Amino acid sequence: MSNGSNIAAAINAAHASVEQAKREGVRHAIECGRLLHEAKATVTHGQWDAWVRSSVRFRCELRSLICGLPRMLVTIQQKRNALRI
């Protein structure tokens, strides 16, 4: 049977893995948003929703959220930079 410190170490290691996965997930979501913006620039005006429905495998509501991530990141970085004055 494991003692308390072994269990605590395993819990902490599992939690560290969760934190790393969250960071990686955010990076992937931001990249997905950047690619969606890039794709939108190549689609004929008025055809974006149809392109998304036929081309990507996630809901349009999620697409809207993901598209906003790069903009949100820029806004956050601008606010952080303004606070460093």
PDB file of N, CA and C in Angstrom:
ATOM      1  N   MET A   1       0.841  -1.184   0.000  1.00  0.00           N
ATOM      2  CA  MET A   1       0.000   0.000   0.000  1.00  0.00           C
ATOM      3  C   MET A   1       0.883   1.244   0.000  1.00  0.00           C
ATOM      4  N   SER A   2       0.486   2.262  -0.765  1.00  0.00           N
ATOM      5  CA  SER A   2       1.246   3.505  -0.863  1.00  0.00           C
ATOM      6  C   SER A   2       1.078   4.331   0.394  1.00  0.00           C
ATOM      7  N   ASN A   3       2.150   5.021   0.753  1.00  0.00           N
ATOM      8  CA  ASN A   3       2.007   5.926   1.885  1.00  0.00           C
ATOM      9  C   ASN A   3       1.523   7.287   1.386  1.00  0.00           C
ATOM     10  N   GLY A   4       1.223   8.166   2.316  1.00  0.00           N
ATOM     11  CA  GLY A   4       0.660   9.471   1.969  1.00  0.00           C
ATOM     12  C   GLY A   4       1.540  10.310   1.067  1.00  0.00           C
ATOM     13  N   SER A   5       2.860  10.272   1.285  1.00  0.00           N
ATOM     14  CA  SER A   5       3.738  11.099   0.459  1.00  0.00           C
ATOM     15  C   SER A   5       3.822  10.587  -0.972  1.00  0.00           C
ATOM     16  N   ASN A   6       3.742   9.252  -1.162  1.00  0.00           N
ATOM     17  CA  ASN A   6       3.719   8.704  -2.520  1.00  0.00           C
ATOM     18  C   ASN A   6       2.453   9.122  -3.254  1.00  0.00           C
ATOM     19  N   ILE A   7       1.341   9.085  -2.536  1.00  0.00           N
ATOM     20  CA  ILE A   7       0.070   9.493  -3.139  1.00  0.00           C
ATOM     21  C   ILE A   7       0.115  10.977  -3.481  1.00  0.00           C
ATOM     22  N   ALA A   8       0.626  11.794  -2.567  1.00  0.00           N
ATOM     23  CA  ALA A   8       0.724  13.239  -2.815  1.00  0.00           C
ATOM     24  C   ALA A   8       1.602  13.521  -4.028  1.00  0.00           C
ATOM     25  N   ALA A   9       2.708  12.806  -4.161  1.00  0.00           N
ATOM     26  CA  ALA A   9       3.592  12.993  -5.312  1.00  0.00           C
ATOM     27  C   ALA A   9       2.869  12.632  -6.608  1.00  0.00           C
ATOM     28  N   ALA A  10       2.106  11.543  -6.575  1.00  0.00           N
ATOM     29  CA  ALA A  10       1.351  11.134  -7.766  1.00  0.00           C
ATOM     30  C   ALA A  10       0.274  12.164  -8.111  1.00  0.00           C
ATOM     31  N   ILE A  11      -0.392  12.684  -7.097  1.00  0.00           N
ATOM     32  CA  ILE A  11      -1.415  13.722  -7.320  1.00  0.00           C
ATOM     33  C   ILE A  11      -0.773  14.955  -7.934  1.00  0.00           C
ATOM     34  N   ASN A  12       0.351  15.391  -7.372  1.00  0.00           N
ATOM     35  CA  ASN A  12       1.038  16.573  -7.894  1.00  0.00           C
ATOM     36  C   ASN A  12       1.521  16.356  -9.324  1.00  0.00           C
ATOM     37  N   ALA A  13       2.014  15.174  -9.629  1.00  0.00           N
ATOM     38  CA  ALA A  13       2.454  14.873 -10.995  1.00  0.00           C
ATOM     39  C   ALA A  13       1.274  14.885 -11.955  1.00  0.00           C
ATOM     40  N   ALA A  14       0.154  14.310 -11.550  1.00  0.00           N
ATOM     41  CA  ALA A  14      -1.040  14.309 -12.397  1.00  0.00           C
ATOM     42  C   ALA A  14      -1.531  15.731 -12.625  1.00  0.00           C
ATOM     43  N   HIS A  15      -1.508  16.535 -11.581  1.00  0.00           N
ATOM     44  CA  HIS A  15      -1.950  17.925 -11.713  1.00  0.00           C
ATOM     45  C   HIS A  15      -1.021  18.703 -12.641  1.00  0.00           C
ATOM     46  N   ALA A  16       0.276  18.478 -12.548  1.00  0.00           N
ATOM     47  CA  ALA A  16       1.225  19.142 -13.451  1.00  0.00           C
ATOM     48  C   ALA A  16       0.935  18.772 -14.900  1.00  0.00           C
ATOM     49  N   SER A  17       0.561  17.523 -15.134  1.00  0.00           N
ATOM     50  CA  SER A  17       0.205  17.082 -16.485  1.00  0.00           C
ATOM     51  C   SER A  17      -1.046  17.800 -16.982  1.00  0.00           C
ATOM     52  N   VAL A  18      -2.014  17.986 -16.097  1.00  0.00           N
ATOM     53  CA  VAL A  18      -3.233  18.718 -16.459  1.00  0.00           C
ATOM     54  C   VAL A  18      -2.890  20.154 -16.843  1.00  0.00           C
ATOM     55  N   GLU A  19      -2.058  20.798 -16.039  1.00  0.00           N
ATOM     56  CA  GLU A  19      -1.674  22.186 -16.322  1.00  0.00           C
ATOM     57  C   GLU A  19      -0.951  22.291 -17.664  1.00  0.00           C
ATOM     58  N   GLN A  20      -0.062  21.364 -17.955  1.00  0.00           N
ATOM     59  CA  GLN A  20       0.645  21.361 -19.239  1.00  0.00           C
ATOM     60  C   GLN A  20      -0.332  21.160 -20.387  1.00  0.00           C
ATOM     61  N   ALA A  21      -1.271  20.258 -20.239  1.00  0.00           N
ATOM     62  CA  ALA A  21      -2.264  20.007 -21.289  1.00  0.00           C
ATOM     63  C   ALA A  21      -3.123  21.247 -21.533  1.00  0.00           C
ATOM     64  N   LYS A  22      -3.457  21.969 -20.468  1.00  0.00           N
ATOM     65  CA  LYS A  22      -4.239  23.198 -20.636  1.00  0.00           C
ATOM     66  C   LYS A  22      -3.459  24.229 -21.440  1.00  0.00           C
ATOM     67  N   ARG A  23      -2.175  24.395 -21.119  1.00  0.00           N
ATOM     68  CA  ARG A  23      -1.349  25.358 -21.860  1.00  0.00           C
ATOM     69  C   ARG A  23      -1.254  24.956 -23.331  1.00  0.00           C
ATOM     70  N   GLU A  24      -1.043  23.683 -23.585  1.00  0.00           N
ATOM     71  CA  GLU A  24      -0.964  23.211 -24.966  1.00  0.00           C
ATOM     72  C   GLU A  24      -2.297  23.403 -25.671  1.00  0.00           C
ATOM     73  N   GLY A  25      -3.396  23.152 -24.969  1.00  0.00           N
ATOM     74  CA  GLY A  25      -4.720  23.339 -25.556  1.00  0.00           C
ATOM     75  C   GLY A  25      -4.969  24.779 -25.958  1.00  0.00           C
ATOM     76  N   VAL A  26      -4.554  25.710 -25.127  1.00  0.00           N
ATOM     77  CA  VAL A  26      -4.717  27.135 -25.450  1.00  0.00           C
ATOM     78  C   VAL A  26      -3.892  27.485 -26.682  1.00  0.00           C
ATOM     79  N   ARG A  27      -2.655  27.004 -26.729  1.00  0.00           N
ATOM     80  CA  ARG A  27      -1.813  27.281 -27.908  1.00  0.00           C
ATOM     81  C   ARG A  27      -2.462  26.735 -29.181  1.00  0.00           C
ATOM     82  N   HIS A  28      -3.003  25.530 -29.111  1.00  0.00           N
ATOM     83  CA  HIS A  28      -3.659  24.938 -30.286  1.00  0.00           C
ATOM     84  C   HIS A  28      -4.910  25.723 -30.667  1.00  0.00           C
ATOM     85  N   ALA A  29      -5.678  26.162 -29.687  1.00  0.00           N
ATOM     86  CA  ALA A  29      -6.896  26.938 -29.969  1.00  0.00           C
ATOM     87  C   ALA A  29      -6.544  28.259 -30.634  1.00  0.00           C
ATOM     88  N   ILE A  30      -5.500  28.929 -30.171  1.00  0.00           N
ATOM     89  CA  ILE A  30      -5.072  30.190 -30.783  1.00  0.00           C
ATOM     90  C   ILE A  30      -4.624  29.955 -32.220  1.00  0.00           C
ATOM     91  N   GLU A  31      -3.870  28.894 -32.447  1.00  0.00           N
ATOM     92  CA  GLU A  31      -3.437  28.569 -33.812  1.00  0.00           C
ATOM     93  C   GLU A  31      -4.637  28.252 -34.695  1.00  0.00           C
ATOM     94  N   CYS A  32      -5.602  27.544 -34.174  1.00  0.00           N
ATOM     95  CA  CYS A  32      -6.818  27.243 -34.927  1.00  0.00           C
ATOM     96  C   CYS A  32      -7.524  28.545 -35.320  1.00  0.00           C
ATOM     97  N   GLY A  33      -7.623  29.477 -34.391  1.00  0.00           N
ATOM     98  CA  GLY A  33      -8.238  30.769 -34.693  1.00  0.00           C
ATOM     99  C   GLY A  33      -7.483  31.524 -35.766  1.00  0.00           C
ATOM    100  N   ARG A  34      -6.157  31.500 -35.670  1.00  0.00           N
ATOM    101  CA  ARG A  34      -5.338  32.177 -36.683  1.00  0.00           C
ATOM    102  C   ARG A  34      -5.562  31.568 -38.065  1.00  0.00           C
ATOM    103  N   LEU A  35      -5.627  30.248 -38.115  1.00  0.00           N
ATOM    104  CA  LEU A  35      -5.860  29.566 -39.390  1.00  0.00           C
ATOM    105  C   LEU A  35      -7.257  29.832 -39.934  1.00  0.00           C
ATOM    106  N   LEU A  36      -8.249  29.920 -39.040  1.00  0.00           N
ATOM    107  CA  LEU A  36      -9.599  30.266 -39.495  1.00  0.00           C
ATOM    108  C   LEU A  36      -9.623  31.659 -40.119  1.00  0.00           C
ATOM    109  N   HIS A  37      -8.923  32.614 -39.509  1.00  0.00           N
ATOM    110  CA  HIS A  37      -8.847  33.962 -40.093  1.00  0.00           C
ATOM    111  C   HIS A  37      -8.164  33.919 -41.453  1.00  0.00           C
ATOM    112  N   GLU A  38      -7.117  33.129 -41.547  1.00  0.00           N
ATOM    113  CA  GLU A  38      -6.410  32.980 -42.819  1.00  0.00           C
ATOM    114  C   GLU A  38      -7.336  32.379 -43.878  1.00  0.00           C
ATOM    115  N   ALA A  39      -8.090  31.353 -43.486  1.00  0.00           N
ATOM    116  CA  ALA A  39      -9.017  30.712 -44.425  1.00  0.00           C
ATOM    117  C   ALA A  39     -10.110  31.682 -44.860  1.00  0.00           C
ATOM    118  N   LYS A  40     -10.609  32.477 -43.929  1.00  0.00           N
ATOM    119  CA  LYS A  40     -11.701  33.407 -44.249  1.00  0.00           C
ATOM    120  C   LYS A  40     -11.277  34.385 -45.339  1.00  0.00           C
ATOM    121  N   ALA A  41     -10.009  34.772 -45.335  1.00  0.00           N
ATOM    122  CA  ALA A  41      -9.516  35.701 -46.346  1.00  0.00           C
ATOM    123  C   ALA A  41      -9.526  35.101 -47.747  1.00  0.00           C
ATOM    124  N   THR A  42      -9.609  33.772 -47.839  1.00  0.00           N
ATOM    125  CA  THR A  42      -9.585  33.117 -49.150  1.00  0.00           C
ATOM    126  C   THR A  42     -10.977  32.771 -49.667  1.00  0.00           C
ATOM    127  N   VAL A  43     -12.001  32.957 -48.829  1.00  0.00           N
ATOM    128  CA  VAL A  43     -13.363  32.556 -49.197  1.00  0.00           C
ATOM    129  C   VAL A  43     -14.118  33.749 -49.765  1.00  0.00           C
ATOM    130  N   THR A  44     -14.871  33.513 -50.812  1.00  0.00           N
ATOM    131  CA  THR A  44     -15.687  34.550 -51.431  1.00  0.00           C
ATOM    132  C   THR A  44     -16.659  35.143 -50.420  1.00  0.00           C
ATOM    133  N   HIS A  45     -16.853  36.474 -50.508  1.00  0.00           N
ATOM    134  CA  HIS A  45     -17.767  37.167 -49.597  1.00  0.00           C
ATOM    135  C   HIS A  45     -19.134  36.478 -49.590  1.00  0.00           C
ATOM    136  N   GLY A  46     -19.655  36.258 -48.399  1.00  0.00           N
ATOM    137  CA  GLY A  46     -20.964  35.635 -48.251  1.00  0.00           C
ATOM    138  C   GLY A  46     -20.946  34.111 -48.213  1.00  0.00           C
ATOM    139  N   GLN A  47     -19.777  33.513 -48.410  1.00  0.00           N
ATOM    140  CA  GLN A  47     -19.681  32.054 -48.468  1.00  0.00           C
ATOM    141  C   GLN A  47     -18.990  31.441 -47.244  1.00  0.00           C
ATOM    142  N   TRP A  48     -18.639  32.275 -46.276  1.00  0.00           N
ATOM    143  CA  TRP A  48     -17.880  31.806 -45.126  1.00  0.00           C
ATOM    144  C   TRP A  48     -18.600  30.725 -44.339  1.00  0.00           C
ATOM    145  N   ASP A  49     -19.856  30.965 -43.963  1.00  0.00           N
ATOM    146  CA  ASP A  49     -20.576  29.969 -43.162  1.00  0.00           C
ATOM    147  C   ASP A  49     -20.703  28.642 -43.898  1.00  0.00           C
ATOM    148  N   ALA A  50     -20.986  28.707 -45.181  1.00  0.00           N
ATOM    149  CA  ALA A  50     -21.092  27.470 -45.967  1.00  0.00           C
ATOM    150  C   ALA A  50     -19.746  26.755 -46.011  1.00  0.00           C
ATOM    151  N   TRP A  51     -18.659  27.516 -46.162  1.00  0.00           N
ATOM    152  CA  TRP A  51     -17.333  26.909 -46.195  1.00  0.00           C
ATOM    153  C   TRP A  51     -17.034  26.226 -44.863  1.00  0.00           C
ATOM    154  N   VAL A  52     -17.348  26.915 -43.774  1.00  0.00           N
ATOM    155  CA  VAL A  52     -17.086  26.337 -42.457  1.00  0.00           C
ATOM    156  C   VAL A  52     -17.890  25.060 -42.265  1.00  0.00           C
ATOM    157  N   ARG A  53     -19.176  25.107 -42.598  1.00  0.00           N
ATOM    158  CA  ARG A  53     -20.020  23.915 -42.422  1.00  0.00           C
ATOM    159  C   ARG A  53     -19.496  22.725 -43.213  1.00  0.00           C
ATOM    160  N   SER A  54     -18.946  22.982 -44.398  1.00  0.00           N
ATOM    161  CA  SER A  54     -18.481  21.871 -45.225  1.00  0.00           C
ATOM    162  C   SER A  54     -17.021  21.490 -44.977  1.00  0.00           C
ATOM    163  N   SER A  55     -16.290  22.326 -44.246  1.00  0.00           N
ATOM    164  CA  SER A  55     -14.850  22.106 -44.156  1.00  0.00           C
ATOM    165  C   SER A  55     -14.314  21.769 -42.774  1.00  0.00           C
ATOM    166  N   VAL A  56     -14.937  22.269 -41.724  1.00  0.00           N
ATOM    167  CA  VAL A  56     -14.411  22.010 -40.390  1.00  0.00           C
ATOM    168  C   VAL A  56     -15.357  21.101 -39.625  1.00  0.00           C
ATOM    169  N   ARG A  57     -14.793  20.405 -38.635  1.00  0.00           N
ATOM    170  CA  ARG A  57     -15.564  19.387 -37.927  1.00  0.00           C
ATOM    171  C   ARG A  57     -15.974  19.816 -36.528  1.00  0.00           C
ATOM    172  N   PHE A  58     -16.290  21.079 -36.348  1.00  0.00           N
ATOM    173  CA  PHE A  58     -16.809  21.515 -35.059  1.00  0.00           C
ATOM    174  C   PHE A  58     -17.893  22.563 -35.280  1.00  0.00           C
ATOM    175  N   ARG A  59     -18.684  22.775 -34.245  1.00  0.00           N
ATOM    176  CA  ARG A  59     -19.857  23.649 -34.344  1.00  0.00           C
ATOM    177  C   ARG A  59     -19.462  25.085 -34.675  1.00  0.00           C
ATOM    178  N   CYS A  60     -20.354  25.779 -35.368  1.00  0.00           N
ATOM    179  CA  CYS A  60     -20.117  27.176 -35.722  1.00  0.00           C
ATOM    180  C   CYS A  60     -19.957  28.041 -34.473  1.00  0.00           C
ATOM    181  N   GLU A  61     -20.684  27.720 -33.399  1.00  0.00           N
ATOM    182  CA  GLU A  61     -20.564  28.512 -32.175  1.00  0.00           C
ATOM    183  C   GLU A  61     -19.130  28.429 -31.634  1.00  0.00           C
ATOM    184  N   LEU A  62     -18.557  27.259 -31.683  1.00  0.00           N
ATOM    185  CA  LEU A  62     -17.189  27.067 -31.230  1.00  0.00           C
ATOM    186  C   LEU A  62     -16.230  27.793 -32.163  1.00  0.00           C
ATOM    187  N   ARG A  63     -16.525  27.762 -33.447  1.00  0.00           N
ATOM    188  CA  ARG A  63     -15.688  28.465 -34.421  1.00  0.00           C
ATOM    189  C   ARG A  63     -15.636  29.950 -34.096  1.00  0.00           C
ATOM    190  N   SER A  64     -16.768  30.544 -33.747  1.00  0.00           N
ATOM    191  CA  SER A  64     -16.799  31.969 -33.404  1.00  0.00           C
ATOM    192  C   SER A  64     -15.928  32.265 -32.195  1.00  0.00           C
ATOM    193  N   LEU A  65     -16.003  31.409 -31.207  1.00  0.00           N
ATOM    194  CA  LEU A  65     -15.177  31.587 -30.011  1.00  0.00           C
ATOM    195  C   LEU A  65     -13.699  31.465 -30.362  1.00  0.00           C
ATOM    196  N   ILE A  66     -13.343  30.448 -31.116  1.00  0.00           N
ATOM    197  CA  ILE A  66     -11.947  30.216 -31.480  1.00  0.00           C
ATOM    198  C   ILE A  66     -11.425  31.356 -32.349  1.00  0.00           C
ATOM    199  N   CYS A  67     -12.247  31.863 -33.262  1.00  0.00           N
ATOM    200  CA  CYS A  67     -11.814  32.980 -34.107  1.00  0.00           C
ATOM    201  C   CYS A  67     -11.467  34.199 -33.277  1.00  0.00           C
ATOM    202  N   GLY A  68     -12.132  34.367 -32.156  1.00  0.00           N
ATOM    203  CA  GLY A  68     -11.879  35.523 -31.322  1.00  0.00           C
ATOM    204  C   GLY A  68     -10.627  35.418 -30.468  1.00  0.00           C
ATOM    205  N   LEU A  69     -10.073  34.231 -30.312  1.00  0.00           N
ATOM    206  CA  LEU A  69      -8.909  34.044 -29.447  1.00  0.00           C
ATOM    207  C   LEU A  69      -7.693  34.873 -29.855  1.00  0.00           C
ATOM    208  N   PRO A  70      -7.300  34.893 -31.133  1.00  0.00           N
ATOM    209  CA  PRO A  70      -6.130  35.710 -31.475  1.00  0.00           C
ATOM    210  C   PRO A  70      -6.341  37.191 -31.147  1.00  0.00           C
ATOM    211  N   ARG A  71      -7.544  37.713 -31.395  1.00  0.00           N
ATOM    212  CA  ARG A  71      -7.837  39.118 -31.065  1.00  0.00           C
ATOM    213  C   ARG A  71      -7.760  39.349 -29.560  1.00  0.00           C
ATOM    214  N   MET A  72      -8.322  38.413 -28.796  1.00  0.00           N
ATOM    215  CA  MET A  72      -8.278  38.543 -27.346  1.00  0.00           C
ATOM    216  C   MET A  72      -6.837  38.524 -26.847  1.00  0.00           C
ATOM    217  N   LEU A  73      -6.014  37.678 -27.433  1.00  0.00           N
ATOM    218  CA  LEU A  73      -4.615  37.593 -27.034  1.00  0.00           C
ATOM    219  C   LEU A  73      -3.901  38.918 -27.294  1.00  0.00           C
ATOM    220  N   VAL A  74      -4.145  39.525 -28.444  1.00  0.00           N
ATOM    221  CA  VAL A  74      -3.536  40.820 -28.763  1.00  0.00           C
ATOM    222  C   VAL A  74      -3.991  41.875 -27.764  1.00  0.00           C
ATOM    223  N   THR A  75      -5.284  41.890 -27.453  1.00  0.00           N
ATOM    224  CA  THR A  75      -5.815  42.855 -26.489  1.00  0.00           C
ATOM    225  C   THR A  75      -5.166  42.669 -25.124  1.00  0.00           C
ATOM    226  N   ILE A  76      -5.045  41.447 -24.680  1.00  0.00           N
ATOM    227  CA  ILE A  76      -4.406  41.167 -23.394  1.00  0.00           C
ATOM    228  C   ILE A  76      -2.954  41.631 -23.406  1.00  0.00           C
ATOM    229  N   GLN A  77      -2.242  41.347 -24.484  1.00  0.00           N
ATOM    230  CA  GLN A  77      -0.840  41.759 -24.568  1.00  0.00           C
ATOM    231  C   GLN A  77      -0.720  43.282 -24.571  1.00  0.00           C
ATOM    232  N   GLN A  78      -1.631  43.970 -25.272  1.00  0.00           N
ATOM    233  CA  GLN A  78      -1.598  45.431 -25.289  1.00  0.00           C
ATOM    234  C   GLN A  78      -1.848  45.996 -23.890  1.00  0.00           C
ATOM    235  N   LYS A  79      -2.793  45.415 -23.174  1.00  0.00           N
ATOM    236  CA  LYS A  79      -3.082  45.891 -21.822  1.00  0.00           C
ATOM    237  C   LYS A  79      -1.910  45.619 -20.893  1.00  0.00           C
ATOM    238  N   ARG A  80      -1.282  44.471 -21.019  1.00  0.00           N
ATOM    239  CA  ARG A  80      -0.109  44.167 -20.205  1.00  0.00           C
ATOM    240  C   ARG A  80       1.015  45.145 -20.486  1.00  0.00           C
ATOM    241  N   ASN A  81       1.225  45.450 -21.766  1.00  0.00           N
ATOM    242  CA  ASN A  81       2.280  46.392 -22.132  1.00  0.00           C
ATOM    243  C   ASN A  81       1.979  47.793 -21.597  1.00  0.00           C
ATOM    244  N   ALA A  82       0.710  48.198 -21.623  1.00  0.00           N
ATOM    245  CA  ALA A  82       0.333  49.512 -21.114  1.00  0.00           C
ATOM    246  C   ALA A  82       0.569  49.610 -19.615  1.00  0.00           C
ATOM    247  N   LEU A  83       0.421  48.509 -18.907  1.00  0.00           N
ATOM    248  CA  LEU A  83       0.628  48.524 -17.465  1.00  0.00           C
ATOM    249  C   LEU A  83       2.103  48.586 -17.079  1.00  0.00           C
ATOM    250  N   ARG A  84       2.973  48.297 -18.002  1.00  0.00           N
ATOM    251  CA  ARG A  84       4.420  48.288 -17.719  1.00  0.00           C
ATOM    252  C   ARG A  84       5.048  49.680 -17.789  1.00  0.00           C
ATOM    253  N   ILE A  85       4.284  50.673 -18.080  1.00  0.00           N
ATOM    254  CA  ILE A  85       4.812  52.044 -18.252  1.00  0.00           C
ATOM    255  C   ILE A  85       5.546  52.519 -17.046  1.00  0.00           C
TER     256      ILE A  85
END
